[in-house]
ModelCIF file with pLDDT and N, C-alpha, C, O atoms, coordinates in Angstrom:
data_MODEL
#
_entry.id   MODEL 
#
_entity.id                         1 
_entity.type                       polymer 
_entity.pdbx_number_of_molecules   1 
#
_entity_poly.entity_id                      1 
_entity_poly.type                           'polypeptide(L)' 
_entity_poly.nstd_linkage                   no 
_entity_poly.nstd_monomer                   no 
_entity_poly.pdbx_seq_one_letter_code       LITGINGFVGGHLAEYLLQIGGWEVWGIDRSSSLNLASLHGQVR 
_entity_poly.pdbx_seq_one_letter_code_can   LITGINGFVGGHLAEYLLQIGGWEVWGIDRSSSLNLASLHGQVR 
_entity_poly.pdbx_strand_id                 A 
#
loop_
_entity_poly_seq.entity_id 
_entity_poly_seq.num 
_entity_poly_seq.mon_id 
_entity_poly_seq.hetero 
1 1  LEU n 
1 2  ILE n 
1 3  THR n 
1 4  GLY n 
1 5  ILE n 
1 6  ASN n 
1 7  GLY n 
1 8  PHE n 
1 9  VAL n 
1 10 GLY n 
1 11 GLY n 
1 12 HIS n 
1 13 LEU n 
1 14 ALA n 
1 15 GLU n 
1 16 TYR n 
1 17 LEU n 
1 18 LEU n 
1 19 GLN n 
1 20 ILE n 
1 21 GLY n 
1 22 GLY n 
1 23 TRP n 
1 24 GLU n 
1 25 VAL n 
1 26 TRP n 
1 27 GLY n 
1 28 ILE n 
1 29 ASP n 
1 30 ARG n 
1 31 SER n 
1 32 SER n 
1 33 SER n 
1 34 LEU n 
1 35 ASN n 
1 36 LEU n 
1 37 ALA n 
1 38 SER n 
1 39 LEU n 
1 40 HIS n 
1 41 GLY n 
1 42 GLN n 
1 43 VAL n 
1 44 ARG n 
#
_struct_asym.id          A 
_struct_asym.entity_id   1 
#
loop_
_ma_qa_metric.id 
_ma_qa_metric.mode 
_ma_qa_metric.name 
_ma_qa_metric.software_group_id 
_ma_qa_metric.type 
1 global pLDDT . pLDDT 
2 local  pLDDT . pLDDT 
#
_ma_qa_metric_global.metric_id      1 
_ma_qa_metric_global.metric_value   96.70 
_ma_qa_metric_global.model_id       1 
_ma_qa_metric_global.ordinal_id     1 
#
loop_
_ma_qa_metric_local.label_asym_id 
_ma_qa_metric_local.label_comp_id 
_ma_qa_metric_local.label_seq_id 
_ma_qa_metric_local.metric_id 
_ma_qa_metric_local.metric_value 
_ma_qa_metric_local.model_id 
_ma_qa_metric_local.ordinal_id 
A LEU 1  2 98.00 1 1  
A ILE 2  2 98.00 1 2  
A THR 3  2 98.00 1 3  
A GLY 4  2 97.00 1 4  
A ILE 5  2 97.00 1 5  
A ASN 6  2 97.00 1 6  
A GLY 7  2 96.00 1 7  
A PHE 8  2 96.00 1 8  
A VAL 9  2 98.00 1 9  
A GLY 10 2 98.00 1 10 
A GLY 11 2 98.00 1 11 
A HIS 12 2 98.00 1 12 
A LEU 13 2 98.00 1 13 
A ALA 14 2 98.00 1 14 
A GLU 15 2 98.00 1 15 
A TYR 16 2 98.00 1 16 
A LEU 17 2 98.00 1 17 
A LEU 18 2 98.00 1 18 
A GLN 19 2 97.00 1 19 
A ILE 20 2 97.00 1 20 
A GLY 21 2 97.00 1 21 
A GLY 22 2 97.00 1 22 
A TRP 23 2 98.00 1 23 
A GLU 24 2 98.00 1 24 
A VAL 25 2 98.00 1 25 
A TRP 26 2 98.00 1 26 
A GLY 27 2 98.00 1 27 
A ILE 28 2 97.00 1 28 
A ASP 29 2 96.00 1 29 
A ARG 30 2 94.00 1 30 
A SER 31 2 92.00 1 31 
A SER 32 2 92.00 1 32 
A SER 33 2 95.00 1 33 
A LEU 34 2 96.00 1 34 
A ASN 35 2 94.00 1 35 
A LEU 36 2 95.00 1 36 
A ALA 37 2 94.00 1 37 
A SER 38 2 94.00 1 38 
A LEU 39 2 97.00 1 39 
A HIS 40 2 96.00 1 40 
A GLY 41 2 95.00 1 41 
A GLN 42 2 97.00 1 42 
A VAL 43 2 98.00 1 43 
A ARG 44 2 98.00 1 44 
#
loop_
_atom_site.group_PDB 
_atom_site.id 
_atom_site.type_symbol 
_atom_site.label_atom_id 
_atom_site.label_alt_id 
_atom_site.label_comp_id 
_atom_site.label_asym_id 
_atom_site.label_entity_id 
_atom_site.label_seq_id 
_atom_site.pdbx_PDB_ins_code 
_atom_site.Cartn_x 
_atom_site.Cartn_y 
_atom_site.Cartn_z 
_atom_site.occupancy 
_atom_site.B_iso_or_equiv 
_atom_site.pdbx_formal_charge 
_atom_site.auth_seq_id 
_atom_site.auth_comp_id 
_atom_site.auth_asym_id 
_atom_site.auth_atom_id 
_atom_site.pdbx_PDB_model_num 
ATOM 1   N N  . LEU A 1 1  ? 19.250 0.167  19.029 1.00 98.00 ? 1  LEU A N  1 
ATOM 2   C CA . LEU A 1 1  ? 19.726 1.081  20.056 1.00 98.00 ? 1  LEU A CA 1 
ATOM 3   C C  . LEU A 1 1  ? 21.195 0.807  20.295 1.00 98.00 ? 1  LEU A C  1 
ATOM 4   O O  . LEU A 1 1  ? 21.584 -0.317 20.613 1.00 98.00 ? 1  LEU A O  1 
ATOM 5   N N  . ILE A 1 2  ? 22.022 1.851  20.141 1.00 98.00 ? 2  ILE A N  1 
ATOM 6   C CA . ILE A 1 2  ? 23.470 1.734  20.350 1.00 98.00 ? 2  ILE A CA 1 
ATOM 7   C C  . ILE A 1 2  ? 23.820 2.451  21.640 1.00 98.00 ? 2  ILE A C  1 
ATOM 8   O O  . ILE A 1 2  ? 23.647 3.665  21.742 1.00 98.00 ? 2  ILE A O  1 
ATOM 9   N N  . THR A 1 3  ? 24.315 1.707  22.637 1.00 98.00 ? 3  THR A N  1 
ATOM 10  C CA . THR A 1 3  ? 24.804 2.365  23.839 1.00 98.00 ? 3  THR A CA 1 
ATOM 11  C C  . THR A 1 3  ? 26.228 2.860  23.560 1.00 98.00 ? 3  THR A C  1 
ATOM 12  O O  . THR A 1 3  ? 27.011 2.191  22.886 1.00 98.00 ? 3  THR A O  1 
ATOM 13  N N  . GLY A 1 4  ? 26.543 4.043  24.090 1.00 97.00 ? 4  GLY A N  1 
ATOM 14  C CA . GLY A 1 4  ? 27.859 4.617  23.777 1.00 97.00 ? 4  GLY A CA 1 
ATOM 15  C C  . GLY A 1 4  ? 27.931 5.102  22.349 1.00 97.00 ? 4  GLY A C  1 
ATOM 16  O O  . GLY A 1 4  ? 28.960 4.943  21.693 1.00 97.00 ? 4  GLY A O  1 
ATOM 17  N N  . ILE A 1 5  ? 26.855 5.693  21.852 1.00 97.00 ? 5  ILE A N  1 
ATOM 18  C CA . ILE A 1 5  ? 26.771 6.122  20.451 1.00 97.00 ? 5  ILE A CA 1 
ATOM 19  C C  . ILE A 1 5  ? 27.858 7.128  20.092 1.00 97.00 ? 5  ILE A C  1 
ATOM 20  O O  . ILE A 1 5  ? 28.281 7.193  18.938 1.00 97.00 ? 5  ILE A O  1 
ATOM 21  N N  . ASN A 1 6  ? 28.319 7.921  21.075 1.00 97.00 ? 6  ASN A N  1 
ATOM 22  C CA . ASN A 1 6  ? 29.333 8.936  20.784 1.00 97.00 ? 6  ASN A CA 1 
ATOM 23  C C  . ASN A 1 6  ? 30.757 8.412  20.851 1.00 97.00 ? 6  ASN A C  1 
ATOM 24  O O  . ASN A 1 6  ? 31.709 9.171  20.669 1.00 97.00 ? 6  ASN A O  1 
ATOM 25  N N  . GLY A 1 7  ? 30.907 7.124  21.108 1.00 96.00 ? 7  GLY A N  1 
ATOM 26  C CA . GLY A 1 7  ? 32.242 6.541  21.133 1.00 96.00 ? 7  GLY A CA 1 
ATOM 27  C C  . GLY A 1 7  ? 32.779 6.242  19.744 1.00 96.00 ? 7  GLY A C  1 
ATOM 28  O O  . GLY A 1 7  ? 32.066 6.360  18.747 1.00 96.00 ? 7  GLY A O  1 
ATOM 29  N N  . PHE A 1 8  ? 34.026 5.858  19.695 1.00 96.00 ? 8  PHE A N  1 
ATOM 30  C CA . PHE A 1 8  ? 34.707 5.524  18.441 1.00 96.00 ? 8  PHE A CA 1 
ATOM 31  C C  . PHE A 1 8  ? 33.930 4.480  17.642 1.00 96.00 ? 8  PHE A C  1 
ATOM 32  O O  . PHE A 1 8  ? 33.629 4.693  16.467 1.00 96.00 ? 8  PHE A O  1 
ATOM 33  N N  . VAL A 1 9  ? 33.607 3.361  18.271 1.00 98.00 ? 9  VAL A N  1 
ATOM 34  C CA . VAL A 1 9  ? 32.927 2.277  17.564 1.00 98.00 ? 9  VAL A CA 1 
ATOM 35  C C  . VAL A 1 9  ? 31.459 2.616  17.337 1.00 98.00 ? 9  VAL A C  1 
ATOM 36  O O  . VAL A 1 9  ? 30.905 2.296  16.285 1.00 98.00 ? 9  VAL A O  1 
ATOM 37  N N  . GLY A 1 10 ? 30.823 3.264  18.317 1.00 98.00 ? 10 GLY A N  1 
ATOM 38  C CA . GLY A 1 10 ? 29.410 3.604  18.189 1.00 98.00 ? 10 GLY A CA 1 
ATOM 39  C C  . GLY A 1 10 ? 29.108 4.434  16.960 1.00 98.00 ? 10 GLY A C  1 
ATOM 40  O O  . GLY A 1 10 ? 28.114 4.195  16.275 1.00 98.00 ? 10 GLY A O  1 
ATOM 41  N N  . GLY A 1 11 ? 29.966 5.415  16.673 1.00 98.00 ? 11 GLY A N  1 
ATOM 42  C CA . GLY A 1 11 ? 29.765 6.252  15.495 1.00 98.00 ? 11 GLY A CA 1 
ATOM 43  C C  . GLY A 1 11 ? 29.885 5.464  14.206 1.00 98.00 ? 11 GLY A C  1 
ATOM 44  O O  . GLY A 1 11 ? 29.085 5.642  13.288 1.00 98.00 ? 11 GLY A O  1 
ATOM 45  N N  . HIS A 1 12 ? 30.887 4.589  14.134 1.00 98.00 ? 12 HIS A N  1 
ATOM 46  C CA . HIS A 1 12 ? 31.057 3.770  12.928 1.00 98.00 ? 12 HIS A CA 1 
ATOM 47  C C  . HIS A 1 12 ? 29.896 2.799  12.754 1.00 98.00 ? 12 HIS A C  1 
ATOM 48  O O  . HIS A 1 12 ? 29.447 2.558  11.633 1.00 98.00 ? 12 HIS A O  1 
ATOM 49  N N  . LEU A 1 13 ? 29.408 2.239  13.864 1.00 98.00 ? 13 LEU A N  1 
ATOM 50  C CA . LEU A 1 13 ? 28.275 1.316  13.773 1.00 98.00 ? 13 LEU A CA 1 
ATOM 51  C C  . LEU A 1 13 ? 27.021 2.035  13.288 1.00 98.00 ? 13 LEU A C  1 
ATOM 52  O O  . LEU A 1 13 ? 26.304 1.520  12.429 1.00 98.00 ? 13 LEU A O  1 
ATOM 53  N N  . ALA A 1 14 ? 26.752 3.215  13.829 1.00 98.00 ? 14 ALA A N  1 
ATOM 54  C CA . ALA A 1 14 ? 25.578 3.980  13.393 1.00 98.00 ? 14 ALA A CA 1 
ATOM 55  C C  . ALA A 1 14 ? 25.677 4.314  11.909 1.00 98.00 ? 14 ALA A C  1 
ATOM 56  O O  . ALA A 1 14 ? 24.700 4.180  11.173 1.00 98.00 ? 14 ALA A O  1 
ATOM 57  N N  . GLU A 1 15 ? 26.852 4.747  11.469 1.00 98.00 ? 15 GLU A N  1 
ATOM 58  C CA . GLU A 1 15 ? 27.033 5.052  10.045 1.00 98.00 ? 15 GLU A CA 1 
ATOM 59  C C  . GLU A 1 15 ? 26.781 3.824  9.185  1.00 98.00 ? 15 GLU A C  1 
ATOM 60  O O  . GLU A 1 15 ? 26.161 3.922  8.126  1.00 98.00 ? 15 GLU A O  1 
ATOM 61  N N  . TYR A 1 16 ? 27.255 2.679  9.630  1.00 98.00 ? 16 TYR A N  1 
ATOM 62  C CA . TYR A 1 16 ? 27.081 1.452  8.834  1.00 98.00 ? 16 TYR A CA 1 
ATOM 63  C C  . TYR A 1 16 ? 25.605 1.055  8.744  1.00 98.00 ? 16 TYR A C  1 
ATOM 64  O O  . TYR A 1 16 ? 25.129 0.687  7.670  1.00 98.00 ? 16 TYR A O  1 
ATOM 65  N N  . LEU A 1 17 ? 24.884 1.125  9.858  1.00 98.00 ? 17 LEU A N  1 
ATOM 66  C CA . LEU A 1 17 ? 23.468 0.773  9.843  1.00 98.00 ? 17 LEU A CA 1 
ATOM 67  C C  . LEU A 1 17 ? 22.686 1.692  8.897  1.00 98.00 ? 17 LEU A C  1 
ATOM 68  O O  . LEU A 1 17 ? 21.813 1.239  8.156  1.00 98.00 ? 17 LEU A O  1 
ATOM 69  N N  . LEU A 1 18 ? 23.008 2.977  8.935  1.00 98.00 ? 18 LEU A N  1 
ATOM 70  C CA . LEU A 1 18 ? 22.335 3.924  8.037  1.00 98.00 ? 18 LEU A CA 1 
ATOM 71  C C  . LEU A 1 18 ? 22.712 3.663  6.578  1.00 98.00 ? 18 LEU A C  1 
ATOM 72  O O  . LEU A 1 18 ? 21.888 3.807  5.675  1.00 98.00 ? 18 LEU A O  1 
ATOM 73  N N  . GLN A 1 19 ? 23.953 3.282  6.369  1.00 97.00 ? 19 GLN A N  1 
ATOM 74  C CA . GLN A 1 19 ? 24.432 3.021  5.004  1.00 97.00 ? 19 GLN A CA 1 
ATOM 75  C C  . GLN A 1 19 ? 23.732 1.819  4.379  1.00 97.00 ? 19 GLN A C  1 
ATOM 76  O O  . GLN A 1 19 ? 23.357 1.872  3.208  1.00 97.00 ? 19 GLN A O  1 
ATOM 77  N N  . ILE A 1 20 ? 23.547 0.737  5.137  1.00 97.00 ? 20 ILE A N  1 
ATOM 78  C CA . ILE A 1 20 ? 22.967 -0.467 4.554  1.00 97.00 ? 20 ILE A CA 1 
ATOM 79  C C  . ILE A 1 20 ? 21.442 -0.373 4.475  1.00 97.00 ? 20 ILE A C  1 
ATOM 80  O O  . ILE A 1 20 ? 20.810 -1.113 3.720  1.00 97.00 ? 20 ILE A O  1 
ATOM 81  N N  . GLY A 1 21 ? 20.853 0.538  5.256  1.00 97.00 ? 21 GLY A N  1 
ATOM 82  C CA . GLY A 1 21 ? 19.418 0.740  5.202  1.00 97.00 ? 21 GLY A CA 1 
ATOM 83  C C  . GLY A 1 21 ? 18.637 -0.318 5.955  1.00 97.00 ? 21 GLY A C  1 
ATOM 84  O O  . GLY A 1 21 ? 19.170 -1.366 6.319  1.00 97.00 ? 21 GLY A O  1 
ATOM 85  N N  . GLY A 1 22 ? 17.352 -0.024 6.187  1.00 97.00 ? 22 GLY A N  1 
ATOM 86  C CA . GLY A 1 22 ? 16.492 -0.963 6.881  1.00 97.00 ? 22 GLY A CA 1 
ATOM 87  C C  . GLY A 1 22 ? 16.520 -0.827 8.387  1.00 97.00 ? 22 GLY A C  1 
ATOM 88  O O  . GLY A 1 22 ? 15.920 -1.636 9.095  1.00 97.00 ? 22 GLY A O  1 
ATOM 89  N N  . TRP A 1 23 ? 17.222 0.207  8.897  1.00 98.00 ? 23 TRP A N  1 
ATOM 90  C CA . TRP A 1 23 ? 17.376 0.374  10.340 1.00 98.00 ? 23 TRP A CA 1 
ATOM 91  C C  . TRP A 1 23 ? 16.931 1.766  10.774 1.00 98.00 ? 23 TRP A C  1 
ATOM 92  O O  . TRP A 1 23 ? 17.232 2.764  10.119 1.00 98.00 ? 23 TRP A O  1 
ATOM 93  N N  . GLU A 1 24 ? 16.217 1.811  11.879 1.00 98.00 ? 24 GLU A N  1 
ATOM 94  C CA . GLU A 1 24 ? 15.949 3.045  12.598 1.00 98.00 ? 24 GLU A CA 1 
ATOM 95  C C  . GLU A 1 24 ? 16.926 3.078  13.766 1.00 98.00 ? 24 GLU A C  1 
ATOM 96  O O  . GLU A 1 24 ? 16.898 2.192  14.620 1.00 98.00 ? 24 GLU A O  1 
ATOM 97  N N  . VAL A 1 25 ? 17.784 4.083  13.812 1.00 98.00 ? 25 VAL A N  1 
ATOM 98  C CA . VAL A 1 25 ? 18.915 4.068  14.743 1.00 98.00 ? 25 VAL A CA 1 
ATOM 99  C C  . VAL A 1 25 ? 18.701 5.069  15.878 1.00 98.00 ? 25 VAL A C  1 
ATOM 100 O O  . VAL A 1 25 ? 18.442 6.252  15.656 1.00 98.00 ? 25 VAL A O  1 
ATOM 101 N N  . TRP A 1 26 ? 18.817 4.555  17.092 1.00 98.00 ? 26 TRP A N  1 
ATOM 102 C CA . TRP A 1 26 ? 18.791 5.345  18.308 1.00 98.00 ? 26 TRP A CA 1 
ATOM 103 C C  . TRP A 1 26 ? 20.121 5.157  19.037 1.00 98.00 ? 26 TRP A C  1 
ATOM 104 O O  . TRP A 1 26 ? 20.828 4.171  18.823 1.00 98.00 ? 26 TRP A O  1 
ATOM 105 N N  . GLY A 1 27 ? 20.445 6.109  19.890 1.00 98.00 ? 27 GLY A N  1 
ATOM 106 C CA . GLY A 1 27 ? 21.659 5.990  20.681 1.00 98.00 ? 27 GLY A CA 1 
ATOM 107 C C  . GLY A 1 27 ? 21.431 6.426  22.119 1.00 98.00 ? 27 GLY A C  1 
ATOM 108 O O  . GLY A 1 27 ? 20.581 7.271  22.399 1.00 98.00 ? 27 GLY A O  1 
ATOM 109 N N  . ILE A 1 28 ? 22.198 5.839  23.024 1.00 97.00 ? 28 ILE A N  1 
ATOM 110 C CA . ILE A 1 28 ? 22.243 6.278  24.421 1.00 97.00 ? 28 ILE A CA 1 
ATOM 111 C C  . ILE A 1 28 ? 23.632 6.817  24.692 1.00 97.00 ? 28 ILE A C  1 
ATOM 112 O O  . ILE A 1 28 ? 24.636 6.218  24.308 1.00 97.00 ? 28 ILE A O  1 
ATOM 113 N N  . ASP A 1 29 ? 23.672 7.965  25.363 1.00 96.00 ? 29 ASP A N  1 
ATOM 114 C CA . ASP A 1 29 ? 24.948 8.529  25.784 1.00 96.00 ? 29 ASP A CA 1 
ATOM 115 C C  . ASP A 1 29 ? 24.696 9.423  26.998 1.00 96.00 ? 29 ASP A C  1 
ATOM 116 O O  . ASP A 1 29 ? 23.568 9.855  27.235 1.00 96.00 ? 29 ASP A O  1 
ATOM 117 N N  . ARG A 1 30 ? 25.745 9.694  27.756 1.00 94.00 ? 30 ARG A N  1 
ATOM 118 C CA . ARG A 1 30 ? 25.607 10.619 28.882 1.00 94.00 ? 30 ARG A CA 1 
ATOM 119 C C  . ARG A 1 30 ? 25.365 12.038 28.397 1.00 94.00 ? 30 ARG A C  1 
ATOM 120 O O  . ARG A 1 30 ? 24.831 12.869 29.132 1.00 94.00 ? 30 ARG A O  1 
ATOM 121 N N  . SER A 1 31 ? 25.756 12.315 27.164 1.00 92.00 ? 31 SER A N  1 
ATOM 122 C CA . SER A 1 31 ? 25.506 13.619 26.551 1.00 92.00 ? 31 SER A CA 1 
ATOM 123 C C  . SER A 1 31 ? 24.155 13.600 25.856 1.00 92.00 ? 31 SER A C  1 
ATOM 124 O O  . SER A 1 31 ? 23.638 12.541 25.502 1.00 92.00 ? 31 SER A O  1 
ATOM 125 N N  . SER A 1 32 ? 23.590 14.791 25.664 1.00 92.00 ? 32 SER A N  1 
ATOM 126 C CA . SER A 1 32 ? 22.296 14.888 24.983 1.00 92.00 ? 32 SER A CA 1 
ATOM 127 C C  . SER A 1 32 ? 22.450 15.191 23.501 1.00 92.00 ? 32 SER A C  1 
ATOM 128 O O  . SER A 1 32 ? 21.451 15.356 22.801 1.00 92.00 ? 32 SER A O  1 
ATOM 129 N N  . SER A 1 33 ? 23.683 15.269 23.008 1.00 95.00 ? 33 SER A N  1 
ATOM 130 C CA . SER A 1 33 ? 23.906 15.609 21.604 1.00 95.00 ? 33 SER A CA 1 
ATOM 131 C C  . SER A 1 33 ? 24.837 14.595 20.955 1.00 95.00 ? 33 SER A C  1 
ATOM 132 O O  . SER A 1 33 ? 25.573 13.882 21.637 1.00 95.00 ? 33 SER A O  1 
ATOM 133 N N  . LEU A 1 34 ? 24.794 14.540 19.636 1.00 96.00 ? 34 LEU A N  1 
ATOM 134 C CA . LEU A 1 34 ? 25.633 13.629 18.861 1.00 96.00 ? 34 LEU A CA 1 
ATOM 135 C C  . LEU A 1 34 ? 26.930 14.320 18.482 1.00 96.00 ? 34 LEU A C  1 
ATOM 136 O O  . LEU A 1 34 ? 26.916 15.448 17.991 1.00 96.00 ? 34 LEU A O  1 
ATOM 137 N N  . ASN A 1 35 ? 28.049 13.648 18.707 1.00 94.00 ? 35 ASN A N  1 
ATOM 138 C CA . ASN A 1 35 ? 29.349 14.217 18.363 1.00 94.00 ? 35 ASN A CA 1 
ATOM 139 C C  . ASN A 1 35 ? 29.602 14.212 16.856 1.00 94.00 ? 35 ASN A C  1 
ATOM 140 O O  . ASN A 1 35 ? 30.237 15.124 16.327 1.00 94.00 ? 35 ASN A O  1 
ATOM 141 N N  . LEU A 1 36 ? 29.109 13.194 16.174 1.00 95.00 ? 36 LEU A N  1 
ATOM 142 C CA . LEU A 1 36 ? 29.456 12.975 14.767 1.00 95.00 ? 36 LEU A CA 1 
ATOM 143 C C  . LEU A 1 36 ? 28.458 13.700 13.869 1.00 95.00 ? 36 LEU A C  1 
ATOM 144 O O  . LEU A 1 36 ? 27.265 13.400 13.880 1.00 95.00 ? 36 LEU A O  1 
ATOM 145 N N  . ALA A 1 37 ? 28.962 14.657 13.093 1.00 94.00 ? 37 ALA A N  1 
ATOM 146 C CA . ALA A 1 37 ? 28.082 15.475 12.254 1.00 94.00 ? 37 ALA A CA 1 
ATOM 147 C C  . ALA A 1 37 ? 27.297 14.633 11.256 1.00 94.00 ? 37 ALA A C  1 
ATOM 148 O O  . ALA A 1 37 ? 26.163 14.977 10.922 1.00 94.00 ? 37 ALA A O  1 
ATOM 149 N N  . SER A 1 38 ? 27.877 13.536 10.774 1.00 94.00 ? 38 SER A N  1 
ATOM 150 C CA . SER A 1 38 ? 27.203 12.708 9.772  1.00 94.00 ? 38 SER A CA 1 
ATOM 151 C C  . SER A 1 38 ? 25.933 12.051 10.301 1.00 94.00 ? 38 SER A C  1 
ATOM 152 O O  . SER A 1 38 ? 25.107 11.578 9.520  1.00 94.00 ? 38 SER A O  1 
ATOM 153 N N  . LEU A 1 39 ? 25.774 12.019 11.622 1.00 97.00 ? 39 LEU A N  1 
ATOM 154 C CA . LEU A 1 39 ? 24.604 11.368 12.218 1.00 97.00 ? 39 LEU A CA 1 
ATOM 155 C C  . LEU A 1 39 ? 23.476 12.341 12.523 1.00 97.00 ? 39 LEU A C  1 
ATOM 156 O O  . LEU A 1 39 ? 22.360 11.920 12.829 1.00 97.00 ? 39 LEU A O  1 
ATOM 157 N N  . HIS A 1 40 ? 23.756 13.649 12.442 1.00 96.00 ? 40 HIS A N  1 
ATOM 158 C CA . HIS A 1 40 ? 22.740 14.644 12.786 1.00 96.00 ? 40 HIS A CA 1 
ATOM 159 C C  . HIS A 1 40 ? 21.528 14.506 11.860 1.00 96.00 ? 40 HIS A C  1 
ATOM 160 O O  . HIS A 1 40 ? 21.668 14.414 10.640 1.00 96.00 ? 40 HIS A O  1 
ATOM 161 N N  . GLY A 1 41 ? 20.357 14.494 12.454 1.00 95.00 ? 41 GLY A N  1 
ATOM 162 C CA . GLY A 1 41 ? 19.131 14.382 11.681 1.00 95.00 ? 41 GLY A CA 1 
ATOM 163 C C  . GLY A 1 41 ? 18.786 12.971 11.263 1.00 95.00 ? 41 GLY A C  1 
ATOM 164 O O  . GLY A 1 41 ? 17.724 12.738 10.684 1.00 95.00 ? 41 GLY A O  1 
ATOM 165 N N  . GLN A 1 42 ? 19.666 12.024 11.546 1.00 97.00 ? 42 GLN A N  1 
ATOM 166 C CA . GLN A 1 42 ? 19.425 10.633 11.151 1.00 97.00 ? 42 GLN A CA 1 
ATOM 167 C C  . GLN A 1 42 ? 19.336 9.676  12.337 1.00 97.00 ? 42 GLN A C  1 
ATOM 168 O O  . GLN A 1 42 ? 18.764 8.591  12.227 1.00 97.00 ? 42 GLN A O  1 
ATOM 169 N N  . VAL A 1 43 ? 19.900 10.083 13.459 1.00 98.00 ? 43 VAL A N  1 
ATOM 170 C CA . VAL A 1 43 ? 19.934 9.244  14.655 1.00 98.00 ? 43 VAL A CA 1 
ATOM 171 C C  . VAL A 1 43 ? 19.291 10.006 15.800 1.00 98.00 ? 43 VAL A C  1 
ATOM 172 O O  . VAL A 1 43 ? 19.563 11.190 15.994 1.00 98.00 ? 43 VAL A O  1 
ATOM 173 N N  . ARG A 1 44 ? 18.439 9.329  16.557 1.00 98.00 ? 44 ARG A N  1 
ATOM 174 C CA . ARG A 1 44 ? 17.836 9.935  17.741 1.00 98.00 ? 44 ARG A CA 1 
ATOM 175 C C  . ARG A 1 44 ? 18.619 9.508  18.972 1.00 98.00 ? 44 ARG A C  1 
ATOM 176 O O  . ARG A 1 44 ? 18.282 9.906  20.087 1.00 98.00 ? 44 ARG A O  1 
#
């Protein structure tokens, strides 16, 4: 679980976890949507 998933670092961290594999990635944000298109469909 990444808090601040829509932030600068949060997006890079989510991408890295997905890249290395073995992780189910969730995020918390005040928004209900993901800013980073590369995370759509891969991060809840």
